[in-house]
Amino acid sequence: MTGEPQDSDTDLVHRALAGEERAYGRLMTRHKDGLYRFARRYSGNSDDALEIVQLTFISAWQALARFDTGRAFDVWLRAIALNKCRDMARRRKVRRFMMALGQISERQADPPSPEAGPETRLLDRDELRRADAAISSLPDGLKAPLLLTALEGLTMAEAGAVLGMSAKAVENRLYRARKALAQTLQLPEDS
């Protein structure tokens, strides 16, 4: 058990709770990339994704003593990240509402330049950007099951555990999400 890759998440959690800070650092290193991909796909923005990952690890550290070692650590982290994504989306809605009321200065309300960089002019990049935007625009009830299963590789049961619903409900929402994406991206709906 001296080799770092052989330590299970549960072992690292116990060691972190015992005061070994490096153990929590190893958990962060092990799970940061997957959390970033999830947050990036959910938010549609890399800066927001970085913030969500940071907030997720802070919240997980604060709640580590309450972690149920009978659950998978990565599923628990994704549940926290999903809540952070939803919180950020709510804050954005409030901010947009306030801007619509004119309570935020014109300087703060200026949107970023619509000019795309040269890398996004390539067809593949453009299609990827369109797909990311389409996924980001899905309603939360459809976006989360799609990201957790199709893109993050969780089973429907694991996604259901994160979302607090049955595997069948995840399956139903996944079907609806795929149908909505096909319509948005003007793809055939044969899946």
N, C-alpha and C. Protein backbone atom coordinates (compact mmCIF):
# COMPACT_ATOMS: atom_id res chain seq x y z
N MET A 1 0.82 -1.19 0.00
CA MET A 1 0.00 0.00 0.00
C MET A 1 0.86 1.25 0.00
N THR A 2 2.13 1.11 -0.27
CA THR A 2 3.02 2.27 -0.29
C THR A 2 2.97 3.00 -1.62
N GLY A 3 2.60 2.34 -2.71
CA GLY A 3 2.51 3.00 -4.00
C GLY A 3 1.31 3.92 -4.06
N GLU A 4 1.52 5.14 -4.50
CA GLU A 4 0.45 6.13 -4.51
C GLU A 4 -0.77 5.73 -5.34
N PRO A 5 -0.58 5.20 -6.58
CA PRO A 5 -1.75 4.87 -7.37
C PRO A 5 -2.61 3.76 -6.77
N GLN A 6 -2.06 2.96 -5.85
CA GLN A 6 -2.81 1.84 -5.29
C GLN A 6 -3.75 2.26 -4.17
N ASP A 7 -3.57 3.46 -3.62
CA ASP A 7 -4.43 3.92 -2.55
C ASP A 7 -5.83 4.19 -3.08
N SER A 8 -6.83 3.63 -2.43
CA SER A 8 -8.19 3.88 -2.86
C SER A 8 -8.64 5.26 -2.39
N ASP A 9 -9.70 5.75 -3.00
CA ASP A 9 -10.25 7.03 -2.57
C ASP A 9 -10.64 6.99 -1.10
N THR A 10 -11.22 5.88 -0.67
CA THR A 10 -11.65 5.75 0.72
C THR A 10 -10.45 5.82 1.66
N ASP A 11 -9.35 5.16 1.30
CA ASP A 11 -8.14 5.23 2.12
C ASP A 11 -7.65 6.68 2.22
N LEU A 12 -7.64 7.36 1.10
CA LEU A 12 -7.18 8.75 1.09
C LEU A 12 -8.11 9.65 1.91
N VAL A 13 -9.41 9.39 1.85
CA VAL A 13 -10.36 10.17 2.66
C VAL A 13 -10.05 9.98 4.14
N HIS A 14 -9.86 8.73 4.56
CA HIS A 14 -9.56 8.46 5.98
C HIS A 14 -8.26 9.14 6.40
N ARG A 15 -7.27 9.08 5.53
CA ARG A 15 -5.99 9.72 5.86
C ARG A 15 -6.12 11.24 5.91
N ALA A 16 -6.91 11.79 5.01
CA ALA A 16 -7.14 13.24 5.03
C ALA A 16 -7.86 13.66 6.31
N LEU A 17 -8.84 12.87 6.71
CA LEU A 17 -9.56 13.16 7.95
C LEU A 17 -8.66 13.04 9.18
N ALA A 18 -7.63 12.22 9.07
CA ALA A 18 -6.68 12.06 10.17
C ALA A 18 -5.64 13.18 10.20
N GLY A 19 -5.75 14.11 9.24
CA GLY A 19 -4.86 15.27 9.25
C GLY A 19 -3.77 15.26 8.20
N GLU A 20 -3.75 14.27 7.35
CA GLU A 20 -2.73 14.21 6.31
C GLU A 20 -3.20 15.01 5.08
N GLU A 21 -2.73 16.23 4.98
CA GLU A 21 -3.16 17.13 3.91
C GLU A 21 -2.81 16.60 2.53
N ARG A 22 -1.67 15.92 2.43
CA ARG A 22 -1.25 15.38 1.12
C ARG A 22 -2.27 14.37 0.59
N ALA A 23 -2.94 13.68 1.46
CA ALA A 23 -3.93 12.69 1.02
C ALA A 23 -5.07 13.39 0.28
N TYR A 24 -5.53 14.52 0.81
CA TYR A 24 -6.60 15.25 0.12
C TYR A 24 -6.06 15.85 -1.18
N GLY A 25 -4.82 16.27 -1.18
CA GLY A 25 -4.20 16.76 -2.41
C GLY A 25 -4.18 15.70 -3.49
N ARG A 26 -3.91 14.47 -3.09
CA ARG A 26 -3.92 13.37 -4.07
C ARG A 26 -5.33 13.10 -4.59
N LEU A 27 -6.32 13.23 -3.73
CA LEU A 27 -7.71 13.10 -4.19
C LEU A 27 -8.03 14.18 -5.22
N MET A 28 -7.59 15.40 -4.93
CA MET A 28 -7.84 16.50 -5.86
C MET A 28 -7.15 16.24 -7.19
N THR A 29 -5.91 15.81 -7.15
CA THR A 29 -5.17 15.52 -8.38
C THR A 29 -5.85 14.42 -9.18
N ARG A 30 -6.32 13.41 -8.49
CA ARG A 30 -6.96 12.26 -9.13
C ARG A 30 -8.27 12.65 -9.82
N HIS A 31 -9.02 13.58 -9.26
CA HIS A 31 -10.38 13.85 -9.75
C HIS A 31 -10.57 15.19 -10.43
N LYS A 32 -9.55 16.05 -10.45
CA LYS A 32 -9.74 17.40 -10.98
C LYS A 32 -10.07 17.41 -12.47
N ASP A 33 -9.44 16.57 -13.26
CA ASP A 33 -9.69 16.58 -14.71
C ASP A 33 -11.12 16.18 -15.05
N GLY A 34 -11.60 15.12 -14.40
CA GLY A 34 -12.98 14.69 -14.65
C GLY A 34 -13.99 15.74 -14.21
N LEU A 35 -13.73 16.36 -13.07
CA LEU A 35 -14.63 17.42 -12.59
C LEU A 35 -14.61 18.61 -13.54
N TYR A 36 -13.42 18.96 -14.02
CA TYR A 36 -13.32 20.08 -14.95
C TYR A 36 -14.11 19.80 -16.22
N ARG A 37 -13.94 18.60 -16.79
CA ARG A 37 -14.69 18.26 -18.01
C ARG A 37 -16.19 18.38 -17.77
N PHE A 38 -16.65 17.84 -16.63
CA PHE A 38 -18.07 17.92 -16.31
C PHE A 38 -18.53 19.37 -16.20
N ALA A 39 -17.80 20.17 -15.42
CA ALA A 39 -18.19 21.57 -15.21
C ALA A 39 -18.11 22.38 -16.50
N ARG A 40 -17.12 22.09 -17.33
CA ARG A 40 -16.97 22.81 -18.60
C ARG A 40 -18.14 22.51 -19.51
N ARG A 41 -18.51 21.26 -19.57
CA ARG A 41 -19.64 20.89 -20.43
C ARG A 41 -20.94 21.45 -19.89
N TYR A 42 -21.08 21.48 -18.60
CA TYR A 42 -22.31 21.98 -17.99
C TYR A 42 -22.42 23.49 -18.18
N SER A 43 -21.36 24.21 -17.86
CA SER A 43 -21.42 25.67 -17.89
C SER A 43 -21.19 26.25 -19.27
N GLY A 44 -20.45 25.53 -20.11
CA GLY A 44 -20.14 26.05 -21.43
C GLY A 44 -19.03 27.09 -21.42
N ASN A 45 -18.32 27.21 -20.29
CA ASN A 45 -17.32 28.26 -20.15
C ASN A 45 -16.15 27.72 -19.33
N SER A 46 -14.94 27.84 -19.84
CA SER A 46 -13.78 27.27 -19.15
C SER A 46 -13.45 28.01 -17.86
N ASP A 47 -13.62 29.33 -17.83
CA ASP A 47 -13.35 30.07 -16.59
C ASP A 47 -14.33 29.68 -15.49
N ASP A 48 -15.60 29.57 -15.86
CA ASP A 48 -16.60 29.14 -14.90
C ASP A 48 -16.30 27.73 -14.41
N ALA A 49 -15.86 26.87 -15.32
CA ALA A 49 -15.55 25.49 -14.95
C ALA A 49 -14.42 25.43 -13.92
N LEU A 50 -13.40 26.25 -14.11
CA LEU A 50 -12.30 26.29 -13.13
C LEU A 50 -12.81 26.74 -11.77
N GLU A 51 -13.65 27.75 -11.76
CA GLU A 51 -14.21 28.23 -10.49
C GLU A 51 -15.07 27.15 -9.83
N ILE A 52 -15.86 26.46 -10.63
CA ILE A 52 -16.72 25.40 -10.11
C ILE A 52 -15.88 24.28 -9.49
N VAL A 53 -14.80 23.90 -10.16
CA VAL A 53 -13.92 22.85 -9.63
C VAL A 53 -13.33 23.30 -8.29
N GLN A 54 -12.86 24.53 -8.23
CA GLN A 54 -12.29 25.03 -6.97
C GLN A 54 -13.33 25.03 -5.86
N LEU A 55 -14.52 25.53 -6.15
CA LEU A 55 -15.59 25.56 -5.15
C LEU A 55 -16.00 24.15 -4.73
N THR A 56 -15.98 23.24 -5.68
CA THR A 56 -16.32 21.84 -5.37
C THR A 56 -15.34 21.25 -4.38
N PHE A 57 -14.05 21.44 -4.62
CA PHE A 57 -13.04 20.88 -3.71
C PHE A 57 -13.07 21.56 -2.34
N ILE A 58 -13.37 22.83 -2.30
CA ILE A 58 -13.49 23.52 -1.01
C ILE A 58 -14.67 22.95 -0.23
N SER A 59 -15.81 22.83 -0.90
CA SER A 59 -17.00 22.27 -0.24
C SER A 59 -16.79 20.83 0.18
N ALA A 60 -16.13 20.06 -0.68
CA ALA A 60 -15.88 18.65 -0.34
C ALA A 60 -14.97 18.56 0.89
N TRP A 61 -13.97 19.41 0.97
CA TRP A 61 -13.08 19.41 2.13
C TRP A 61 -13.87 19.74 3.40
N GLN A 62 -14.74 20.74 3.29
CA GLN A 62 -15.52 21.15 4.46
C GLN A 62 -16.50 20.07 4.90
N ALA A 63 -16.95 19.25 3.96
CA ALA A 63 -17.94 18.21 4.27
C ALA A 63 -17.33 16.81 4.33
N LEU A 64 -16.02 16.72 4.28
CA LEU A 64 -15.37 15.41 4.19
C LEU A 64 -15.74 14.48 5.35
N ALA A 65 -15.91 15.02 6.52
CA ALA A 65 -16.27 14.18 7.67
C ALA A 65 -17.65 13.54 7.50
N ARG A 66 -18.48 14.14 6.67
CA ARG A 66 -19.83 13.60 6.43
C ARG A 66 -19.89 12.67 5.22
N PHE A 67 -18.76 12.48 4.54
CA PHE A 67 -18.73 11.60 3.37
C PHE A 67 -19.03 10.16 3.78
N ASP A 68 -19.97 9.55 3.10
CA ASP A 68 -20.34 8.15 3.33
C ASP A 68 -19.39 7.27 2.52
N THR A 69 -18.49 6.58 3.19
CA THR A 69 -17.48 5.77 2.50
C THR A 69 -18.09 4.58 1.76
N GLY A 70 -19.38 4.37 1.92
CA GLY A 70 -20.07 3.34 1.15
C GLY A 70 -20.39 3.82 -0.26
N ARG A 71 -20.26 5.12 -0.50
CA ARG A 71 -20.50 5.69 -1.82
C ARG A 71 -19.18 5.86 -2.56
N ALA A 72 -19.26 5.99 -3.85
CA ALA A 72 -18.07 6.28 -4.65
C ALA A 72 -17.72 7.75 -4.48
N PHE A 73 -16.45 8.03 -4.22
CA PHE A 73 -16.01 9.40 -3.97
C PHE A 73 -16.24 10.29 -5.19
N ASP A 74 -15.96 9.77 -6.39
CA ASP A 74 -16.14 10.59 -7.59
C ASP A 74 -17.60 10.93 -7.85
N VAL A 75 -18.51 10.03 -7.51
CA VAL A 75 -19.94 10.32 -7.65
C VAL A 75 -20.34 11.41 -6.66
N TRP A 76 -19.83 11.33 -5.43
CA TRP A 76 -20.10 12.35 -4.42
C TRP A 76 -19.57 13.71 -4.88
N LEU A 77 -18.37 13.73 -5.43
CA LEU A 77 -17.81 14.99 -5.93
C LEU A 77 -18.65 15.58 -7.05
N ARG A 78 -19.12 14.72 -7.95
CA ARG A 78 -19.94 15.22 -9.07
C ARG A 78 -21.26 15.79 -8.56
N ALA A 79 -21.80 15.21 -7.51
CA ALA A 79 -23.03 15.76 -6.94
C ALA A 79 -22.76 17.17 -6.39
N ILE A 80 -21.64 17.35 -5.75
CA ILE A 80 -21.28 18.68 -5.24
C ILE A 80 -21.05 19.63 -6.41
N ALA A 81 -20.33 19.16 -7.44
CA ALA A 81 -20.07 20.00 -8.61
C ALA A 81 -21.36 20.38 -9.32
N LEU A 82 -22.29 19.45 -9.40
CA LEU A 82 -23.58 19.75 -10.03
C LEU A 82 -24.29 20.86 -9.26
N ASN A 83 -24.26 20.81 -7.96
CA ASN A 83 -24.87 21.87 -7.16
C ASN A 83 -24.18 23.20 -7.40
N LYS A 84 -22.86 23.20 -7.52
CA LYS A 84 -22.11 24.43 -7.80
C LYS A 84 -22.47 24.98 -9.18
N CYS A 85 -22.63 24.09 -10.15
CA CYS A 85 -23.05 24.51 -11.50
C CYS A 85 -24.42 25.18 -11.45
N ARG A 86 -25.33 24.56 -10.73
CA ARG A 86 -26.68 25.11 -10.61
C ARG A 86 -26.66 26.46 -9.89
N ASP A 87 -25.84 26.57 -8.84
CA ASP A 87 -25.72 27.84 -8.12
C ASP A 87 -25.22 28.94 -9.05
N MET A 88 -24.21 28.62 -9.85
CA MET A 88 -23.66 29.61 -10.76
C MET A 88 -24.70 30.03 -11.80
N ALA A 89 -25.44 29.07 -12.30
CA ALA A 89 -26.48 29.39 -13.29
C ALA A 89 -27.55 30.29 -12.68
N ARG A 90 -27.92 30.04 -11.42
CA ARG A 90 -28.90 30.91 -10.74
C ARG A 90 -28.36 32.32 -10.58
N ARG A 91 -27.09 32.42 -10.19
CA ARG A 91 -26.48 33.76 -10.04
C ARG A 91 -26.47 34.50 -11.38
N ARG A 92 -26.21 33.79 -12.45
CA ARG A 92 -26.22 34.41 -13.78
C ARG A 92 -27.61 34.93 -14.14
N LYS A 93 -28.62 34.14 -13.83
CA LYS A 93 -29.99 34.58 -14.14
C LYS A 93 -30.33 35.85 -13.38
N VAL A 94 -29.94 35.89 -12.12
CA VAL A 94 -30.19 37.10 -11.32
C VAL A 94 -29.43 38.28 -11.90
N ARG A 95 -28.18 38.06 -12.27
CA ARG A 95 -27.37 39.13 -12.85
C ARG A 95 -27.99 39.64 -14.15
N ARG A 96 -28.47 38.73 -15.02
CA ARG A 96 -29.11 39.14 -16.27
C ARG A 96 -30.38 39.93 -15.98
N PHE A 97 -31.13 39.49 -15.00
CA PHE A 97 -32.35 40.19 -14.63
C PHE A 97 -32.03 41.60 -14.15
N MET A 98 -31.00 41.71 -13.32
CA MET A 98 -30.61 43.02 -12.81
C MET A 98 -30.12 43.92 -13.94
N MET A 99 -29.40 43.36 -14.89
CA MET A 99 -28.94 44.16 -16.03
C MET A 99 -30.13 44.62 -16.85
N ALA A 100 -31.12 43.76 -17.00
CA ALA A 100 -32.31 44.13 -17.76
C ALA A 100 -33.04 45.28 -17.07
N LEU A 101 -32.97 45.36 -15.78
CA LEU A 101 -33.60 46.46 -15.05
C LEU A 101 -32.75 47.72 -15.07
N GLY A 102 -31.55 47.62 -15.62
CA GLY A 102 -30.69 48.78 -15.71
C GLY A 102 -29.99 49.12 -14.41
N GLN A 103 -29.88 48.16 -13.51
CA GLN A 103 -29.27 48.44 -12.22
C GLN A 103 -27.77 48.14 -12.21
N ILE A 104 -27.25 47.69 -13.33
CA ILE A 104 -25.82 47.47 -13.43
C ILE A 104 -25.32 48.41 -14.51
N SER A 105 -24.19 49.00 -14.29
CA SER A 105 -23.69 50.03 -15.21
C SER A 105 -23.47 49.47 -16.60
N GLU A 106 -23.52 50.36 -17.58
CA GLU A 106 -23.31 49.97 -18.97
C GLU A 106 -21.95 49.30 -19.16
N ARG A 107 -20.94 49.78 -18.46
CA ARG A 107 -19.61 49.22 -18.62
C ARG A 107 -19.58 47.75 -18.19
N GLN A 108 -20.27 47.41 -17.13
CA GLN A 108 -20.31 46.03 -16.67
C GLN A 108 -21.17 45.15 -17.57
N ALA A 109 -22.11 45.75 -18.26
CA ALA A 109 -23.04 44.98 -19.07
C ALA A 109 -22.52 44.71 -20.47
N ASP A 110 -21.38 45.31 -20.86
CA ASP A 110 -20.85 45.09 -22.20
C ASP A 110 -20.50 43.63 -22.40
N PRO A 111 -21.04 43.02 -23.45
CA PRO A 111 -20.70 41.63 -23.71
C PRO A 111 -19.29 41.51 -24.29
N PRO A 112 -18.69 40.35 -24.18
CA PRO A 112 -17.37 40.17 -24.78
C PRO A 112 -17.47 40.26 -26.30
N SER A 113 -16.38 40.51 -26.93
CA SER A 113 -16.34 40.63 -28.38
C SER A 113 -16.80 39.34 -29.05
N PRO A 114 -17.67 39.46 -30.05
CA PRO A 114 -18.14 38.25 -30.74
C PRO A 114 -17.11 37.69 -31.71
N GLU A 115 -15.98 38.36 -31.90
CA GLU A 115 -14.95 37.89 -32.81
C GLU A 115 -14.38 36.55 -32.35
N ALA A 116 -14.42 35.57 -33.21
CA ALA A 116 -13.86 34.26 -32.90
C ALA A 116 -12.38 34.25 -33.27
N GLY A 117 -11.61 33.52 -32.49
CA GLY A 117 -10.20 33.36 -32.80
C GLY A 117 -10.02 32.47 -34.01
N PRO A 118 -8.82 32.47 -34.59
CA PRO A 118 -8.61 31.67 -35.80
C PRO A 118 -8.83 30.18 -35.61
N GLU A 119 -8.58 29.69 -34.39
CA GLU A 119 -8.76 28.25 -34.18
C GLU A 119 -10.22 27.83 -34.26
N THR A 120 -11.13 28.74 -33.95
CA THR A 120 -12.55 28.37 -34.00
C THR A 120 -13.12 28.44 -35.41
N ARG A 121 -12.32 28.90 -36.35
CA ARG A 121 -12.80 28.97 -37.74
C ARG A 121 -12.74 27.62 -38.43
N LEU A 122 -11.99 26.71 -37.88
CA LEU A 122 -11.94 25.38 -38.46
C LEU A 122 -13.27 24.68 -38.27
N LEU A 123 -13.66 23.90 -39.23
CA LEU A 123 -14.96 23.24 -39.19
C LEU A 123 -15.15 22.38 -37.95
N ASP A 124 -14.14 21.57 -37.58
CA ASP A 124 -14.27 20.71 -36.41
C ASP A 124 -14.48 21.52 -35.15
N ARG A 125 -13.73 22.59 -35.00
CA ARG A 125 -13.84 23.42 -33.81
C ARG A 125 -15.21 24.08 -33.77
N ASP A 126 -15.70 24.50 -34.91
CA ASP A 126 -17.00 25.15 -34.96
C ASP A 126 -18.10 24.17 -34.55
N GLU A 127 -18.00 22.95 -35.03
CA GLU A 127 -18.99 21.93 -34.67
C GLU A 127 -18.93 21.62 -33.18
N LEU A 128 -17.73 21.55 -32.63
CA LEU A 128 -17.57 21.30 -31.21
C LEU A 128 -18.17 22.45 -30.40
N ARG A 129 -17.93 23.66 -30.83
CA ARG A 129 -18.47 24.83 -30.16
C ARG A 129 -20.01 24.83 -30.22
N ARG A 130 -20.55 24.48 -31.38
CA ARG A 130 -22.00 24.40 -31.52
C ARG A 130 -22.58 23.33 -30.59
N ALA A 131 -21.91 22.19 -30.51
CA ALA A 131 -22.38 21.12 -29.63
C ALA A 131 -22.30 21.55 -28.17
N ASP A 132 -21.19 22.18 -27.77
CA ASP A 132 -21.07 22.68 -26.40
C ASP A 132 -22.16 23.68 -26.07
N ALA A 133 -22.42 24.60 -27.01
CA ALA A 133 -23.47 25.60 -26.79
C ALA A 133 -24.84 24.94 -26.69
N ALA A 134 -25.08 23.95 -27.53
CA ALA A 134 -26.37 23.26 -27.50
C ALA A 134 -26.54 22.51 -26.18
N ILE A 135 -25.49 21.87 -25.71
CA ILE A 135 -25.57 21.16 -24.43
C ILE A 135 -25.78 22.16 -23.30
N SER A 136 -25.04 23.26 -23.33
CA SER A 136 -25.18 24.28 -22.28
C SER A 136 -26.57 24.88 -22.24
N SER A 137 -27.24 24.93 -23.38
CA SER A 137 -28.56 25.55 -23.43
C SER A 137 -29.69 24.61 -23.01
N LEU A 138 -29.38 23.33 -22.81
CA LEU A 138 -30.42 22.39 -22.37
C LEU A 138 -30.92 22.77 -20.98
N PRO A 139 -32.18 22.51 -20.69
CA PRO A 139 -32.66 22.72 -19.32
C PRO A 139 -31.90 21.82 -18.35
N ASP A 140 -31.75 22.28 -17.12
CA ASP A 140 -30.98 21.53 -16.12
C ASP A 140 -31.44 20.09 -15.99
N GLY A 141 -32.73 19.87 -16.02
CA GLY A 141 -33.26 18.52 -15.85
C GLY A 141 -32.85 17.56 -16.95
N LEU A 142 -32.45 18.09 -18.10
CA LEU A 142 -31.99 17.24 -19.20
C LEU A 142 -30.46 17.26 -19.33
N LYS A 143 -29.88 18.41 -19.04
CA LYS A 143 -28.43 18.56 -19.20
C LYS A 143 -27.65 17.67 -18.24
N ALA A 144 -28.02 17.68 -16.97
CA ALA A 144 -27.26 16.92 -15.97
C ALA A 144 -27.25 15.42 -16.28
N PRO A 145 -28.39 14.78 -16.58
CA PRO A 145 -28.33 13.34 -16.90
C PRO A 145 -27.48 13.05 -18.14
N LEU A 146 -27.55 13.92 -19.14
CA LEU A 146 -26.75 13.73 -20.36
C LEU A 146 -25.26 13.81 -20.04
N LEU A 147 -24.85 14.84 -19.32
CA LEU A 147 -23.44 15.00 -19.00
C LEU A 147 -22.91 13.86 -18.14
N LEU A 148 -23.69 13.47 -17.15
CA LEU A 148 -23.23 12.43 -16.23
C LEU A 148 -23.11 11.06 -16.90
N THR A 149 -24.03 10.74 -17.80
CA THR A 149 -24.00 9.41 -18.42
C THR A 149 -23.23 9.39 -19.72
N ALA A 150 -23.66 10.17 -20.68
CA ALA A 150 -23.07 10.10 -22.01
C ALA A 150 -21.66 10.65 -22.07
N LEU A 151 -21.37 11.67 -21.31
CA LEU A 151 -20.06 12.31 -21.42
C LEU A 151 -19.11 11.97 -20.27
N GLU A 152 -19.64 11.73 -19.09
CA GLU A 152 -18.78 11.40 -17.94
C GLU A 152 -18.67 9.91 -17.68
N GLY A 153 -19.51 9.12 -18.35
CA GLY A 153 -19.39 7.67 -18.26
C GLY A 153 -20.03 7.03 -17.04
N LEU A 154 -20.84 7.75 -16.29
CA LEU A 154 -21.52 7.15 -15.15
C LEU A 154 -22.65 6.26 -15.66
N THR A 155 -22.95 5.22 -14.90
CA THR A 155 -24.10 4.40 -15.24
C THR A 155 -25.36 5.19 -14.91
N MET A 156 -26.47 4.72 -15.40
CA MET A 156 -27.73 5.42 -15.11
C MET A 156 -28.03 5.36 -13.61
N ALA A 157 -27.67 4.27 -12.97
CA ALA A 157 -27.88 4.15 -11.52
C ALA A 157 -27.00 5.15 -10.77
N GLU A 158 -25.73 5.29 -11.19
CA GLU A 158 -24.83 6.26 -10.54
C GLU A 158 -25.31 7.68 -10.76
N ALA A 159 -25.73 7.97 -11.99
CA ALA A 159 -26.26 9.31 -12.29
C ALA A 159 -27.52 9.56 -11.47
N GLY A 160 -28.35 8.54 -11.33
CA GLY A 160 -29.54 8.66 -10.51
C GLY A 160 -29.20 8.97 -9.06
N ALA A 161 -28.13 8.36 -8.55
CA ALA A 161 -27.69 8.63 -7.18
C ALA A 161 -27.25 10.08 -7.03
N VAL A 162 -26.54 10.59 -8.02
CA VAL A 162 -26.10 11.99 -7.98
C VAL A 162 -27.31 12.94 -8.03
N LEU A 163 -28.27 12.60 -8.89
CA LEU A 163 -29.40 13.49 -9.14
C LEU A 163 -30.59 13.25 -8.21
N GLY A 164 -30.54 12.18 -7.44
CA GLY A 164 -31.65 11.88 -6.55
C GLY A 164 -32.88 11.37 -7.28
N MET A 165 -32.68 10.53 -8.28
CA MET A 165 -33.80 9.97 -9.04
C MET A 165 -33.47 8.54 -9.43
N SER A 166 -34.45 7.84 -9.96
CA SER A 166 -34.24 6.45 -10.35
C SER A 166 -33.46 6.37 -11.66
N ALA A 167 -32.90 5.20 -11.92
CA ALA A 167 -32.19 4.97 -13.17
C ALA A 167 -33.14 5.11 -14.36
N LYS A 168 -34.37 4.70 -14.19
CA LYS A 168 -35.37 4.82 -15.27
C LYS A 168 -35.66 6.28 -15.58
N ALA A 169 -35.73 7.12 -14.55
CA ALA A 169 -35.95 8.56 -14.77
C ALA A 169 -34.76 9.16 -15.51
N VAL A 170 -33.54 8.72 -15.17
CA VAL A 170 -32.35 9.18 -15.88
C VAL A 170 -32.44 8.77 -17.35
N GLU A 171 -32.84 7.53 -17.59
CA GLU A 171 -32.96 7.03 -18.96
C GLU A 171 -33.96 7.87 -19.76
N ASN A 172 -35.09 8.18 -19.15
CA ASN A 172 -36.11 8.99 -19.80
C ASN A 172 -35.58 10.38 -20.13
N ARG A 173 -34.91 11.00 -19.18
CA ARG A 173 -34.37 12.35 -19.41
C ARG A 173 -33.24 12.34 -20.43
N LEU A 174 -32.48 11.27 -20.45
CA LEU A 174 -31.40 11.14 -21.42
C LEU A 174 -31.99 11.07 -22.83
N TYR A 175 -33.06 10.33 -22.99
CA TYR A 175 -33.74 10.24 -24.28
C TYR A 175 -34.22 11.62 -24.72
N ARG A 176 -34.86 12.35 -23.79
CA ARG A 176 -35.36 13.69 -24.12
C ARG A 176 -34.23 14.66 -24.42
N ALA A 177 -33.12 14.54 -23.71
CA ALA A 177 -31.96 15.42 -23.96
C ALA A 177 -31.40 15.16 -25.35
N ARG A 178 -31.27 13.91 -25.71
CA ARG A 178 -30.73 13.58 -27.04
C ARG A 178 -31.66 14.08 -28.14
N LYS A 179 -32.95 13.96 -27.91
CA LYS A 179 -33.92 14.44 -28.89
C LYS A 179 -33.82 15.96 -29.03
N ALA A 180 -33.71 16.66 -27.91
CA ALA A 180 -33.59 18.12 -27.95
C ALA A 180 -32.29 18.54 -28.64
N LEU A 181 -31.20 17.83 -28.37
CA LEU A 181 -29.92 18.15 -29.04
C LEU A 181 -30.02 17.92 -30.53
N ALA A 182 -30.61 16.81 -30.93
CA ALA A 182 -30.76 16.52 -32.35
C ALA A 182 -31.56 17.62 -33.05
N GLN A 183 -32.59 18.11 -32.38
CA GLN A 183 -33.40 19.18 -32.95
C GLN A 183 -32.60 20.48 -33.03
N THR A 184 -31.90 20.83 -31.96
CA THR A 184 -31.11 22.06 -31.93
C THR A 184 -30.00 22.03 -32.97
N LEU A 185 -29.32 20.89 -33.08
CA LEU A 185 -28.20 20.78 -34.02
C LEU A 185 -28.64 20.34 -35.41
N GLN A 186 -29.95 20.16 -35.60
CA GLN A 186 -30.53 19.74 -36.86
C GLN A 186 -29.92 18.43 -37.35
N LEU A 187 -29.91 17.45 -36.43
CA LEU A 187 -29.41 16.11 -36.74
C LEU A 187 -30.58 15.15 -36.83
N PRO A 188 -30.41 14.02 -37.53
CA PRO A 188 -31.49 13.02 -37.52
C PRO A 188 -31.69 12.46 -36.13
N GLU A 189 -32.94 12.19 -35.75
CA GLU A 189 -33.29 11.69 -34.42
C GLU A 189 -33.41 10.19 -34.37
N ASP A 190 -32.48 9.45 -34.91
CA ASP A 190 -32.62 7.99 -34.95
C ASP A 190 -32.08 7.29 -33.69
N SER A 191 -31.46 8.00 -32.72
CA SER A 191 -30.95 7.30 -31.54
C SER A 191 -31.87 7.34 -30.43
